[in-house]
């Protein structure tokens, strides 16, 4: 089933949400760091769920996943995924140079910083979505996991698989000086909430449902 993503109007609207959300996230990150943050134009992709791990480097690539439940007018989840190098770079930027000495490992301090960063960046996306839709959307306290991409991404894959065999991914790259951080956002509404989301955006008659 191609589902909702058979409709180009739906894709265009969700891409615009991704663009606005990424811009707000870059602004929030700049305020956190008190530095100028540049941002490449976000890449918004619709992929088969089975192809998602390859985008992040392969199913065995070690990544950080920050996961939130969505509550309010929409139910579902949001996930922010970074590879280990981007995770450590982001923490180094925020803490004015803190560096975990162990390659490919994330210590407890780094985890706590990444949770807070994920909270603020994901909050920026949800705020953009709320403003555009007029819906009241809240996110839960974040949980964080360090694991292979295949395992981390199984969560949104299982949830979104109930709606479509494709998923929308927002790939965002933040740049500060010579450092760059690449992250991936996944917004996963549940089945009923997807209808609510599309209708709030003025898409009430679409094929593929």
N, C-alpha and C. Protein backbone atom coordinates (compact mmCIF):
# COMPACT_ATOMS: atom_id res chain seq x y z
N UNK A 1 0.84 -1.20 0.00
CA UNK A 1 0.00 0.00 0.00
C UNK A 1 0.87 1.24 0.00
N UNK A 2 0.71 2.09 -0.98
CA UNK A 2 1.44 3.35 -0.99
C UNK A 2 0.85 4.32 0.00
N UNK A 3 -0.48 4.23 0.14
CA UNK A 3 -1.16 5.00 1.17
C UNK A 3 -1.12 6.49 0.92
N UNK A 4 -0.96 7.23 2.01
CA UNK A 4 -1.06 8.68 1.98
C UNK A 4 -0.03 9.31 1.06
N UNK A 5 1.11 8.67 0.88
CA UNK A 5 2.17 9.27 0.12
C UNK A 5 2.03 9.06 -1.38
N UNK A 6 0.88 8.52 -1.82
CA UNK A 6 0.57 8.50 -3.25
C UNK A 6 0.10 9.87 -3.72
N UNK A 7 -0.22 10.75 -2.79
CA UNK A 7 -0.79 12.06 -3.11
C UNK A 7 0.30 13.13 -3.02
N UNK A 8 0.60 13.79 -4.16
CA UNK A 8 1.67 14.79 -4.18
C UNK A 8 1.36 15.99 -3.30
N UNK A 9 0.07 16.33 -3.16
CA UNK A 9 -0.30 17.47 -2.32
C UNK A 9 0.09 17.18 -0.87
N UNK A 10 -0.18 15.97 -0.42
CA UNK A 10 0.19 15.57 0.94
C UNK A 10 1.69 15.68 1.13
N UNK A 11 2.46 15.18 0.18
CA UNK A 11 3.92 15.22 0.28
C UNK A 11 4.42 16.66 0.33
N UNK A 12 3.88 17.53 -0.54
CA UNK A 12 4.32 18.93 -0.58
C UNK A 12 4.04 19.63 0.75
N UNK A 13 2.87 19.38 1.33
CA UNK A 13 2.53 20.01 2.60
C UNK A 13 3.46 19.54 3.71
N UNK A 14 3.71 18.23 3.77
CA UNK A 14 4.59 17.71 4.80
C UNK A 14 6.03 18.17 4.61
N UNK A 15 6.44 18.34 3.35
CA UNK A 15 7.78 18.88 3.10
C UNK A 15 7.89 20.31 3.62
N UNK A 16 6.84 21.11 3.41
CA UNK A 16 6.87 22.49 3.88
C UNK A 16 6.94 22.55 5.40
N UNK A 17 6.20 21.66 6.06
CA UNK A 17 6.30 21.58 7.52
C UNK A 17 7.74 21.25 7.93
N UNK A 18 8.36 20.33 7.18
CA UNK A 18 9.74 19.97 7.48
C UNK A 18 10.69 21.14 7.32
N UNK A 19 10.51 21.93 6.26
CA UNK A 19 11.37 23.09 6.03
C UNK A 19 11.23 24.12 7.15
N UNK A 20 9.99 24.41 7.52
CA UNK A 20 9.75 25.41 8.57
C UNK A 20 10.27 24.90 9.91
N UNK A 21 9.99 23.63 10.19
CA UNK A 21 10.45 23.06 11.45
C UNK A 21 11.96 23.05 11.56
N UNK A 22 12.65 22.74 10.47
CA UNK A 22 14.11 22.72 10.49
C UNK A 22 14.67 24.12 10.72
N UNK A 23 14.04 25.12 10.10
CA UNK A 23 14.49 26.50 10.32
C UNK A 23 14.33 26.91 11.77
N UNK A 24 13.21 26.56 12.38
CA UNK A 24 12.99 26.87 13.79
C UNK A 24 13.97 26.11 14.68
N UNK A 25 14.28 24.87 14.30
CA UNK A 25 15.24 24.09 15.07
C UNK A 25 16.63 24.72 15.01
N UNK A 26 17.02 25.22 13.83
CA UNK A 26 18.33 25.87 13.69
C UNK A 26 18.39 27.13 14.55
N UNK A 27 17.29 27.89 14.58
CA UNK A 27 17.23 29.09 15.42
C UNK A 27 17.36 28.73 16.89
N UNK A 28 16.66 27.66 17.31
CA UNK A 28 16.72 27.22 18.70
C UNK A 28 18.13 26.76 19.06
N UNK A 29 18.78 26.06 18.14
CA UNK A 29 20.14 25.59 18.38
C UNK A 29 21.11 26.76 18.50
N UNK A 30 20.94 27.77 17.65
CA UNK A 30 21.80 28.95 17.71
C UNK A 30 21.66 29.66 19.06
N UNK A 31 20.44 29.73 19.58
CA UNK A 31 20.22 30.35 20.89
C UNK A 31 20.88 29.53 22.00
N UNK A 32 20.79 28.21 21.89
CA UNK A 32 21.42 27.35 22.88
C UNK A 32 22.92 27.56 22.92
N UNK A 33 23.52 27.65 21.73
CA UNK A 33 24.97 27.74 21.62
C UNK A 33 25.48 29.17 21.70
N UNK A 34 24.56 30.13 21.54
CA UNK A 34 24.94 31.54 21.45
C UNK A 34 25.96 31.74 20.33
N UNK A 35 25.73 31.05 19.23
CA UNK A 35 26.62 31.12 18.06
C UNK A 35 25.76 31.16 16.81
N UNK A 36 26.38 31.61 15.72
CA UNK A 36 25.69 31.56 14.43
C UNK A 36 25.65 30.12 13.95
N UNK A 37 24.47 29.66 13.60
CA UNK A 37 24.31 28.31 13.06
C UNK A 37 23.75 28.42 11.65
N UNK A 38 24.48 27.86 10.69
CA UNK A 38 23.98 27.79 9.33
C UNK A 38 23.28 26.45 9.13
N UNK A 39 22.42 26.41 8.15
CA UNK A 39 21.66 25.18 7.91
C UNK A 39 21.53 24.96 6.42
N UNK A 40 21.89 23.77 5.98
CA UNK A 40 21.62 23.41 4.59
C UNK A 40 20.11 23.23 4.41
N UNK A 41 19.65 23.42 3.19
CA UNK A 41 18.22 23.21 2.92
C UNK A 41 17.85 21.78 3.30
N UNK A 42 16.87 21.60 4.16
CA UNK A 42 16.51 20.24 4.58
C UNK A 42 16.12 19.37 3.39
N UNK A 43 16.52 18.10 3.48
CA UNK A 43 16.11 17.12 2.48
C UNK A 43 14.94 16.33 3.05
N UNK A 44 13.81 16.43 2.37
CA UNK A 44 12.62 15.72 2.83
C UNK A 44 12.36 14.58 1.87
N UNK A 45 12.50 13.37 2.36
CA UNK A 45 12.41 12.19 1.52
C UNK A 45 11.23 11.32 1.92
N UNK A 46 10.61 10.70 0.94
CA UNK A 46 9.62 9.65 1.20
C UNK A 46 10.24 8.34 0.74
N UNK A 47 10.48 7.44 1.67
CA UNK A 47 11.17 6.19 1.36
C UNK A 47 10.35 5.00 1.82
N UNK A 48 10.62 3.84 1.20
CA UNK A 48 10.12 2.60 1.76
C UNK A 48 10.72 2.44 3.15
N UNK A 49 9.92 2.01 4.08
CA UNK A 49 10.40 1.87 5.46
C UNK A 49 11.65 0.99 5.52
N UNK A 50 11.68 -0.04 4.69
CA UNK A 50 12.83 -0.96 4.72
C UNK A 50 14.13 -0.32 4.24
N UNK A 51 14.02 0.82 3.52
CA UNK A 51 15.21 1.49 2.99
C UNK A 51 15.78 2.55 3.93
N UNK A 52 15.08 2.83 5.03
CA UNK A 52 15.48 3.93 5.90
C UNK A 52 16.85 3.71 6.54
N UNK A 53 17.19 2.54 7.10
CA UNK A 53 18.51 2.39 7.72
C UNK A 53 19.67 2.71 6.78
N UNK A 54 19.51 2.40 5.48
CA UNK A 54 20.58 2.67 4.52
C UNK A 54 20.87 4.16 4.41
N UNK A 55 19.85 5.00 4.59
CA UNK A 55 20.04 6.45 4.51
C UNK A 55 20.97 6.95 5.60
N UNK A 56 20.98 6.26 6.72
CA UNK A 56 21.76 6.70 7.88
C UNK A 56 23.10 5.98 7.96
N UNK A 57 23.40 5.17 6.96
CA UNK A 57 24.71 4.52 6.94
C UNK A 57 24.65 3.01 6.97
N UNK A 58 23.47 2.45 7.07
CA UNK A 58 23.34 1.00 7.10
C UNK A 58 22.77 0.53 8.43
N UNK A 59 22.14 -0.64 8.45
CA UNK A 59 21.46 -1.12 9.66
C UNK A 59 22.38 -1.36 10.85
N UNK A 60 23.68 -1.55 10.59
CA UNK A 60 24.60 -1.82 11.70
C UNK A 60 25.34 -0.57 12.17
N UNK A 61 25.03 0.59 11.57
CA UNK A 61 25.65 1.84 12.00
C UNK A 61 25.15 2.22 13.39
N UNK A 62 26.07 2.57 14.26
CA UNK A 62 25.70 2.96 15.62
C UNK A 62 25.14 4.38 15.62
N UNK A 63 23.96 4.55 16.19
CA UNK A 63 23.30 5.86 16.20
C UNK A 63 22.72 6.16 17.57
N UNK A 64 22.40 7.44 17.75
CA UNK A 64 21.66 7.90 18.92
C UNK A 64 20.23 8.19 18.49
N UNK A 65 19.27 7.66 19.21
CA UNK A 65 17.86 7.95 18.94
C UNK A 65 17.22 8.60 20.15
N UNK A 66 16.62 9.78 19.94
CA UNK A 66 15.88 10.45 21.02
C UNK A 66 14.40 10.35 20.65
N UNK A 67 13.63 9.74 21.54
CA UNK A 67 12.25 9.36 21.22
C UNK A 67 11.26 10.08 22.13
N UNK A 68 10.14 10.54 21.54
CA UNK A 68 9.11 11.25 22.29
C UNK A 68 7.74 10.70 21.91
N UNK A 69 6.84 10.67 22.86
CA UNK A 69 5.43 10.45 22.56
C UNK A 69 4.78 11.80 22.28
N UNK A 70 3.83 11.81 21.33
CA UNK A 70 3.03 13.00 21.02
C UNK A 70 1.65 12.81 21.64
N UNK A 71 1.16 13.86 22.28
CA UNK A 71 -0.14 13.80 22.93
C UNK A 71 -0.91 15.09 22.64
N UNK A 72 -2.19 15.07 22.89
CA UNK A 72 -3.04 16.24 22.66
C UNK A 72 -4.01 15.95 21.52
N UNK A 73 -4.11 16.88 20.57
CA UNK A 73 -4.99 16.68 19.42
C UNK A 73 -4.47 15.60 18.48
N UNK A 74 -3.17 15.33 18.55
CA UNK A 74 -2.57 14.24 17.78
C UNK A 74 -1.91 13.26 18.74
N UNK A 75 -1.99 11.99 18.42
CA UNK A 75 -1.25 10.97 19.15
C UNK A 75 -0.25 10.33 18.21
N UNK A 76 0.89 9.91 18.74
CA UNK A 76 1.90 9.29 17.92
C UNK A 76 3.26 9.45 18.56
N UNK A 77 4.27 9.61 17.74
CA UNK A 77 5.62 9.75 18.27
C UNK A 77 6.48 10.56 17.31
N UNK A 78 7.59 11.04 17.85
CA UNK A 78 8.59 11.71 17.03
C UNK A 78 9.94 11.16 17.45
N UNK A 79 10.83 10.98 16.49
CA UNK A 79 12.17 10.48 16.80
C UNK A 79 13.20 11.34 16.09
N UNK A 80 14.27 11.68 16.82
CA UNK A 80 15.39 12.43 16.28
C UNK A 80 16.60 11.50 16.32
N UNK A 81 17.22 11.23 15.17
CA UNK A 81 18.30 10.25 15.08
C UNK A 81 19.57 10.93 14.57
N UNK A 82 20.69 10.64 15.25
CA UNK A 82 22.01 11.15 14.87
C UNK A 82 23.00 9.99 14.85
N UNK A 83 23.96 10.04 13.93
CA UNK A 83 25.03 9.05 14.06
C UNK A 83 25.95 9.46 15.22
N UNK A 84 26.86 8.58 15.61
CA UNK A 84 27.66 8.83 16.80
C UNK A 84 28.56 10.05 16.63
N UNK A 85 29.16 10.23 15.45
CA UNK A 85 30.03 11.39 15.24
C UNK A 85 29.26 12.70 15.38
N UNK A 86 28.06 12.77 14.80
CA UNK A 86 27.25 13.98 14.92
C UNK A 86 26.82 14.20 16.36
N UNK A 87 26.53 13.11 17.06
CA UNK A 87 26.14 13.22 18.48
C UNK A 87 27.25 13.86 19.29
N UNK A 88 28.47 13.37 19.09
CA UNK A 88 29.60 13.89 19.87
C UNK A 88 29.94 15.33 19.47
N UNK A 89 29.82 15.64 18.17
CA UNK A 89 30.07 17.01 17.72
C UNK A 89 29.07 17.98 18.33
N UNK A 90 27.81 17.59 18.37
CA UNK A 90 26.77 18.46 18.91
C UNK A 90 27.02 18.73 20.39
N UNK A 91 27.40 17.71 21.13
CA UNK A 91 27.68 17.88 22.56
C UNK A 91 28.92 18.76 22.75
N UNK A 92 29.92 18.58 21.92
CA UNK A 92 31.14 19.40 22.01
C UNK A 92 30.81 20.87 21.79
N UNK A 93 29.93 21.16 20.81
CA UNK A 93 29.54 22.53 20.54
C UNK A 93 28.79 23.14 21.72
N UNK A 94 27.89 22.37 22.30
CA UNK A 94 27.05 22.90 23.36
C UNK A 94 27.81 23.10 24.66
N UNK A 95 28.82 22.25 24.88
CA UNK A 95 29.54 22.30 26.17
C UNK A 95 30.89 22.99 26.04
N UNK A 96 31.09 23.69 24.94
CA UNK A 96 32.35 24.43 24.71
C UNK A 96 33.56 23.51 24.75
N UNK A 97 33.41 22.33 24.17
CA UNK A 97 34.59 21.50 23.96
C UNK A 97 34.60 20.15 24.64
N UNK A 98 33.55 19.80 25.40
CA UNK A 98 33.57 18.49 26.06
C UNK A 98 33.68 17.38 25.01
N UNK A 99 34.60 16.47 25.24
CA UNK A 99 34.82 15.39 24.28
C UNK A 99 34.87 14.07 25.03
N UNK A 100 34.00 13.15 24.67
CA UNK A 100 34.05 11.81 25.23
C UNK A 100 35.29 11.12 24.67
N UNK A 101 36.14 10.58 25.52
CA UNK A 101 37.41 10.04 25.06
C UNK A 101 37.30 8.67 24.39
N UNK A 102 36.14 8.04 24.52
CA UNK A 102 35.97 6.71 23.94
C UNK A 102 35.22 6.81 22.62
N UNK A 103 35.88 6.36 21.56
CA UNK A 103 35.24 6.38 20.25
C UNK A 103 34.05 5.43 20.23
N UNK A 104 33.01 5.85 19.52
CA UNK A 104 31.82 5.02 19.33
C UNK A 104 31.13 4.63 20.62
N UNK A 105 31.33 5.42 21.67
CA UNK A 105 30.61 5.20 22.91
C UNK A 105 30.06 6.54 23.39
N UNK A 106 28.94 6.48 24.06
CA UNK A 106 28.30 7.68 24.59
C UNK A 106 28.21 7.54 26.11
N UNK A 107 28.87 8.46 26.83
CA UNK A 107 28.82 8.36 28.29
C UNK A 107 27.54 9.01 28.82
N UNK A 108 27.34 8.92 30.15
CA UNK A 108 26.08 9.39 30.74
C UNK A 108 25.91 10.90 30.58
N UNK A 109 26.99 11.66 30.69
CA UNK A 109 26.90 13.10 30.53
C UNK A 109 26.45 13.45 29.12
N UNK A 110 27.06 12.78 28.14
CA UNK A 110 26.70 13.04 26.75
C UNK A 110 25.24 12.68 26.49
N UNK A 111 24.77 11.58 27.08
CA UNK A 111 23.37 11.19 26.93
C UNK A 111 22.43 12.27 27.44
N UNK A 112 22.75 12.82 28.62
CA UNK A 112 21.87 13.83 29.21
C UNK A 112 21.84 15.10 28.36
N UNK A 113 22.98 15.47 27.80
CA UNK A 113 23.02 16.64 26.93
C UNK A 113 22.22 16.39 25.65
N UNK A 114 22.38 15.20 25.09
CA UNK A 114 21.66 14.87 23.87
C UNK A 114 20.15 14.83 24.09
N UNK A 115 19.73 14.36 25.26
CA UNK A 115 18.30 14.38 25.58
C UNK A 115 17.76 15.80 25.58
N UNK A 116 18.52 16.71 26.17
CA UNK A 116 18.07 18.10 26.24
C UNK A 116 18.05 18.74 24.86
N UNK A 117 19.09 18.46 24.05
CA UNK A 117 19.13 18.98 22.69
C UNK A 117 17.96 18.43 21.88
N UNK A 118 17.74 17.13 21.98
CA UNK A 118 16.63 16.51 21.25
C UNK A 118 15.30 17.09 21.67
N UNK A 119 15.16 17.39 22.96
CA UNK A 119 13.93 17.97 23.48
C UNK A 119 13.66 19.33 22.84
N UNK A 120 14.68 20.17 22.77
CA UNK A 120 14.52 21.52 22.24
C UNK A 120 14.29 21.49 20.72
N UNK A 121 15.05 20.67 20.00
CA UNK A 121 14.91 20.62 18.55
C UNK A 121 13.57 20.01 18.15
N UNK A 122 13.19 18.92 18.81
CA UNK A 122 11.90 18.30 18.49
C UNK A 122 10.76 19.22 18.88
N UNK A 123 10.93 19.94 19.99
CA UNK A 123 9.93 20.92 20.39
C UNK A 123 9.73 21.99 19.34
N UNK A 124 10.82 22.37 18.66
CA UNK A 124 10.74 23.37 17.59
C UNK A 124 9.90 22.85 16.42
N UNK A 125 10.09 21.58 16.08
CA UNK A 125 9.29 20.98 15.00
C UNK A 125 7.82 20.93 15.38
N UNK A 126 7.54 20.48 16.59
CA UNK A 126 6.15 20.36 17.03
C UNK A 126 5.49 21.73 17.12
N UNK A 127 6.25 22.73 17.56
CA UNK A 127 5.71 24.09 17.62
C UNK A 127 5.33 24.58 16.23
N UNK A 128 6.16 24.28 15.24
CA UNK A 128 5.86 24.65 13.85
C UNK A 128 4.60 23.96 13.38
N UNK A 129 4.50 22.68 13.70
CA UNK A 129 3.33 21.90 13.29
C UNK A 129 2.07 22.45 13.95
N UNK A 130 2.16 22.80 15.23
CA UNK A 130 1.01 23.36 15.93
C UNK A 130 0.57 24.67 15.32
N UNK A 131 1.54 25.53 14.98
CA UNK A 131 1.22 26.84 14.41
C UNK A 131 0.53 26.71 13.06
N UNK A 132 0.99 25.76 12.24
CA UNK A 132 0.43 25.60 10.90
C UNK A 132 -0.94 24.94 10.91
N UNK A 133 -1.18 24.08 11.89
CA UNK A 133 -2.41 23.30 11.89
C UNK A 133 -3.47 23.83 12.85
N UNK A 134 -3.03 24.64 13.84
CA UNK A 134 -3.95 25.08 14.88
C UNK A 134 -4.26 23.99 15.88
N UNK A 135 -3.53 22.88 15.83
CA UNK A 135 -3.75 21.78 16.75
C UNK A 135 -2.91 21.94 18.01
N UNK A 136 -3.43 21.49 19.11
CA UNK A 136 -2.70 21.49 20.38
C UNK A 136 -1.91 20.19 20.49
N UNK A 137 -0.59 20.29 20.38
CA UNK A 137 0.26 19.09 20.37
C UNK A 137 1.34 19.25 21.44
N UNK A 138 1.50 18.24 22.25
CA UNK A 138 2.52 18.24 23.30
C UNK A 138 3.42 17.03 23.12
N UNK A 139 4.67 17.16 23.57
CA UNK A 139 5.57 16.01 23.53
C UNK A 139 5.94 15.61 24.94
N UNK A 140 6.23 14.33 25.11
CA UNK A 140 6.56 13.78 26.42
C UNK A 140 8.01 14.09 26.78
N UNK A 141 8.40 13.71 27.97
CA UNK A 141 9.82 13.74 28.35
C UNK A 141 10.57 12.78 27.42
N UNK A 142 11.73 13.17 26.92
CA UNK A 142 12.42 12.31 25.95
C UNK A 142 13.06 11.08 26.60
N UNK A 143 13.13 10.02 25.83
CA UNK A 143 13.95 8.86 26.20
C UNK A 143 15.01 8.69 25.13
N UNK A 144 16.17 8.16 25.51
CA UNK A 144 17.29 8.08 24.58
C UNK A 144 17.81 6.66 24.52
N UNK A 145 18.23 6.25 23.33
CA UNK A 145 18.81 4.92 23.16
C UNK A 145 20.01 5.02 22.23
N UNK A 146 21.03 4.23 22.53
CA UNK A 146 22.21 4.12 21.67
C UNK A 146 22.24 2.69 21.16
N UNK A 147 22.11 2.52 19.84
CA UNK A 147 22.02 1.17 19.30
C UNK A 147 22.29 1.25 17.80
N UNK A 148 22.25 0.11 17.14
CA UNK A 148 22.42 0.07 15.70
C UNK A 148 21.17 0.66 15.03
N UNK A 149 21.38 1.27 13.87
CA UNK A 149 20.29 1.97 13.19
C UNK A 149 19.10 1.04 12.93
N UNK A 150 19.37 -0.20 12.58
CA UNK A 150 18.28 -1.13 12.30
C UNK A 150 17.38 -1.33 13.50
N UNK A 151 17.97 -1.40 14.69
CA UNK A 151 17.19 -1.59 15.92
C UNK A 151 16.46 -0.31 16.31
N UNK A 152 17.15 0.82 16.25
CA UNK A 152 16.54 2.10 16.63
C UNK A 152 15.35 2.41 15.72
N UNK A 153 15.52 2.19 14.44
CA UNK A 153 14.49 2.58 13.47
C UNK A 153 13.36 1.56 13.37
N UNK A 154 13.47 0.46 14.07
CA UNK A 154 12.38 -0.51 14.06
C UNK A 154 11.14 0.05 14.75
N UNK A 155 11.35 1.01 15.67
CA UNK A 155 10.21 1.58 16.41
C UNK A 155 9.29 2.38 15.48
N UNK A 156 9.80 3.42 14.77
CA UNK A 156 8.90 4.12 13.84
C UNK A 156 8.44 3.23 12.69
N UNK A 157 9.26 2.26 12.29
CA UNK A 157 8.87 1.38 11.18
C UNK A 157 7.64 0.56 11.55
N UNK A 158 7.62 0.02 12.75
CA UNK A 158 6.48 -0.79 13.19
C UNK A 158 5.24 0.09 13.33
N UNK A 159 5.41 1.28 13.94
CA UNK A 159 4.27 2.16 14.16
C UNK A 159 3.71 2.68 12.85
N UNK A 160 4.57 3.14 11.97
CA UNK A 160 4.09 3.74 10.73
C UNK A 160 3.62 2.70 9.74
N UNK A 161 4.11 1.47 9.93
CA UNK A 161 3.69 0.39 9.05
C UNK A 161 2.20 0.13 9.08
N UNK A 162 1.53 0.60 10.14
CA UNK A 162 0.08 0.46 10.23
C UNK A 162 -0.63 1.43 9.27
N UNK A 163 0.06 2.49 8.84
CA UNK A 163 -0.53 3.51 7.98
C UNK A 163 -0.09 3.34 6.53
N UNK A 164 1.18 3.11 6.32
CA UNK A 164 1.73 3.08 4.97
C UNK A 164 3.02 2.27 4.97
N UNK A 165 3.44 1.81 3.80
CA UNK A 165 4.73 1.12 3.71
C UNK A 165 5.85 2.10 3.40
N UNK A 166 5.51 3.40 3.38
CA UNK A 166 6.50 4.45 3.18
C UNK A 166 6.48 5.40 4.38
N UNK A 167 7.57 6.12 4.57
CA UNK A 167 7.66 7.04 5.70
C UNK A 167 8.36 8.31 5.25
N UNK A 168 7.98 9.44 5.83
CA UNK A 168 8.58 10.73 5.50
C UNK A 168 9.70 11.03 6.49
N UNK A 169 10.86 11.37 5.95
CA UNK A 169 12.06 11.64 6.75
C UNK A 169 12.56 13.03 6.43
N UNK A 170 12.86 13.80 7.47
CA UNK A 170 13.41 15.14 7.30
C UNK A 170 14.89 15.09 7.69
N UNK A 171 15.76 15.23 6.68
CA UNK A 171 17.20 15.20 6.92
C UNK A 171 17.71 16.63 7.02
N UNK A 172 18.28 16.95 8.17
CA UNK A 172 18.71 18.32 8.45
C UNK A 172 20.19 18.35 8.78
N UNK A 173 20.92 19.32 8.23
CA UNK A 173 22.34 19.46 8.53
C UNK A 173 22.60 20.87 9.06
N UNK A 174 23.12 20.93 10.29
CA UNK A 174 23.49 22.18 10.93
C UNK A 174 25.00 22.36 10.82
N UNK A 175 25.43 23.61 10.60
CA UNK A 175 26.85 23.88 10.41
C UNK A 175 27.27 25.04 11.31
N UNK A 176 28.36 24.81 12.07
CA UNK A 176 28.94 25.88 12.89
C UNK A 176 30.44 25.84 12.66
N UNK A 177 30.95 26.83 11.91
CA UNK A 177 32.37 26.83 11.57
C UNK A 177 32.72 25.61 10.73
N UNK A 178 33.70 24.84 11.21
CA UNK A 178 34.14 23.64 10.49
C UNK A 178 33.38 22.39 10.94
N UNK A 179 32.48 22.55 11.90
CA UNK A 179 31.73 21.41 12.43
C UNK A 179 30.37 21.31 11.75
N UNK A 180 29.96 20.10 11.45
CA UNK A 180 28.61 19.92 10.92
C UNK A 180 27.95 18.74 11.62
N UNK A 181 26.65 18.87 11.78
CA UNK A 181 25.84 17.87 12.48
C UNK A 181 24.68 17.50 11.58
N UNK A 182 24.54 16.23 11.28
CA UNK A 182 23.43 15.76 10.44
C UNK A 182 22.47 14.95 11.30
N UNK A 183 21.21 15.34 11.24
CA UNK A 183 20.20 14.65 12.02
C UNK A 183 19.00 14.29 11.16
N UNK A 184 18.22 13.33 11.62
CA UNK A 184 17.04 12.86 10.90
C UNK A 184 15.84 12.89 11.84
N UNK A 185 14.75 13.53 11.37
CA UNK A 185 13.51 13.60 12.14
C UNK A 185 12.47 12.68 11.50
N UNK A 186 11.77 11.95 12.35
CA UNK A 186 10.66 11.10 11.92
C UNK A 186 9.43 11.49 12.72
N UNK A 187 8.39 11.93 12.04
CA UNK A 187 7.12 12.22 12.69
C UNK A 187 6.17 11.07 12.37
N UNK A 188 5.68 10.41 13.41
CA UNK A 188 4.87 9.20 13.22
C UNK A 188 3.54 9.34 13.95
N UNK A 189 2.53 9.94 13.30
CA UNK A 189 1.20 9.98 13.93
C UNK A 189 0.57 8.59 13.89
N UNK A 190 -0.34 8.30 14.83
CA UNK A 190 -1.06 7.04 14.73
C UNK A 190 -2.13 7.16 13.63
N UNK A 191 -2.84 6.07 13.37
CA UNK A 191 -3.72 6.03 12.20
C UNK A 191 -4.78 7.13 12.22
N UNK A 192 -5.51 7.25 13.32
CA UNK A 192 -6.57 8.26 13.40
C UNK A 192 -6.00 9.67 13.37
N UNK A 193 -4.85 9.86 14.00
CA UNK A 193 -4.25 11.19 14.05
C UNK A 193 -3.77 11.65 12.68
N UNK A 194 -3.42 10.70 11.81
CA UNK A 194 -2.98 11.10 10.48
C UNK A 194 -4.12 11.77 9.73
N UNK A 195 -5.32 11.23 9.88
CA UNK A 195 -6.49 11.87 9.26
C UNK A 195 -6.70 13.27 9.82
N UNK A 196 -6.59 13.40 11.15
CA UNK A 196 -6.76 14.71 11.79
C UNK A 196 -5.73 15.70 11.28
N UNK A 197 -4.48 15.25 11.17
CA UNK A 197 -3.39 16.11 10.70
C UNK A 197 -3.66 16.61 9.29
N UNK A 198 -4.02 15.71 8.39
CA UNK A 198 -4.24 16.11 7.01
C UNK A 198 -5.44 17.04 6.86
N UNK A 199 -6.51 16.76 7.59
CA UNK A 199 -7.69 17.62 7.50
C UNK A 199 -7.39 19.01 8.05
N UNK A 200 -6.56 19.09 9.08
CA UNK A 200 -6.21 20.40 9.66
C UNK A 200 -5.37 21.22 8.67
N UNK A 201 -4.74 20.52 7.73
CA UNK A 201 -3.93 21.20 6.71
C UNK A 201 -4.72 21.43 5.42
N UNK A 202 -6.01 21.11 5.46
CA UNK A 202 -6.86 21.36 4.32
C UNK A 202 -6.86 20.25 3.28
N UNK A 203 -6.34 19.09 3.66
CA UNK A 203 -6.33 17.95 2.75
C UNK A 203 -7.36 16.95 3.27
N UNK A 204 -8.57 17.04 2.76
CA UNK A 204 -9.64 16.17 3.25
C UNK A 204 -10.10 15.16 2.21
N UNK A 205 -9.62 15.31 0.99
CA UNK A 205 -10.04 14.40 -0.07
C UNK A 205 -8.80 13.93 -0.81
N UNK A 206 -8.31 12.76 -0.45
CA UNK A 206 -7.08 12.28 -1.06
C UNK A 206 -7.21 10.80 -1.34
N UNK A 207 -6.39 10.37 -2.29
CA UNK A 207 -6.42 8.97 -2.67
C UNK A 207 -5.42 8.20 -1.84
N UNK A 208 -5.62 6.91 -1.79
CA UNK A 208 -4.62 6.05 -1.16
C UNK A 208 -4.97 5.65 0.23
N UNK A 209 -6.09 6.20 0.80
CA UNK A 209 -6.44 5.82 2.17
C UNK A 209 -6.91 4.38 2.20
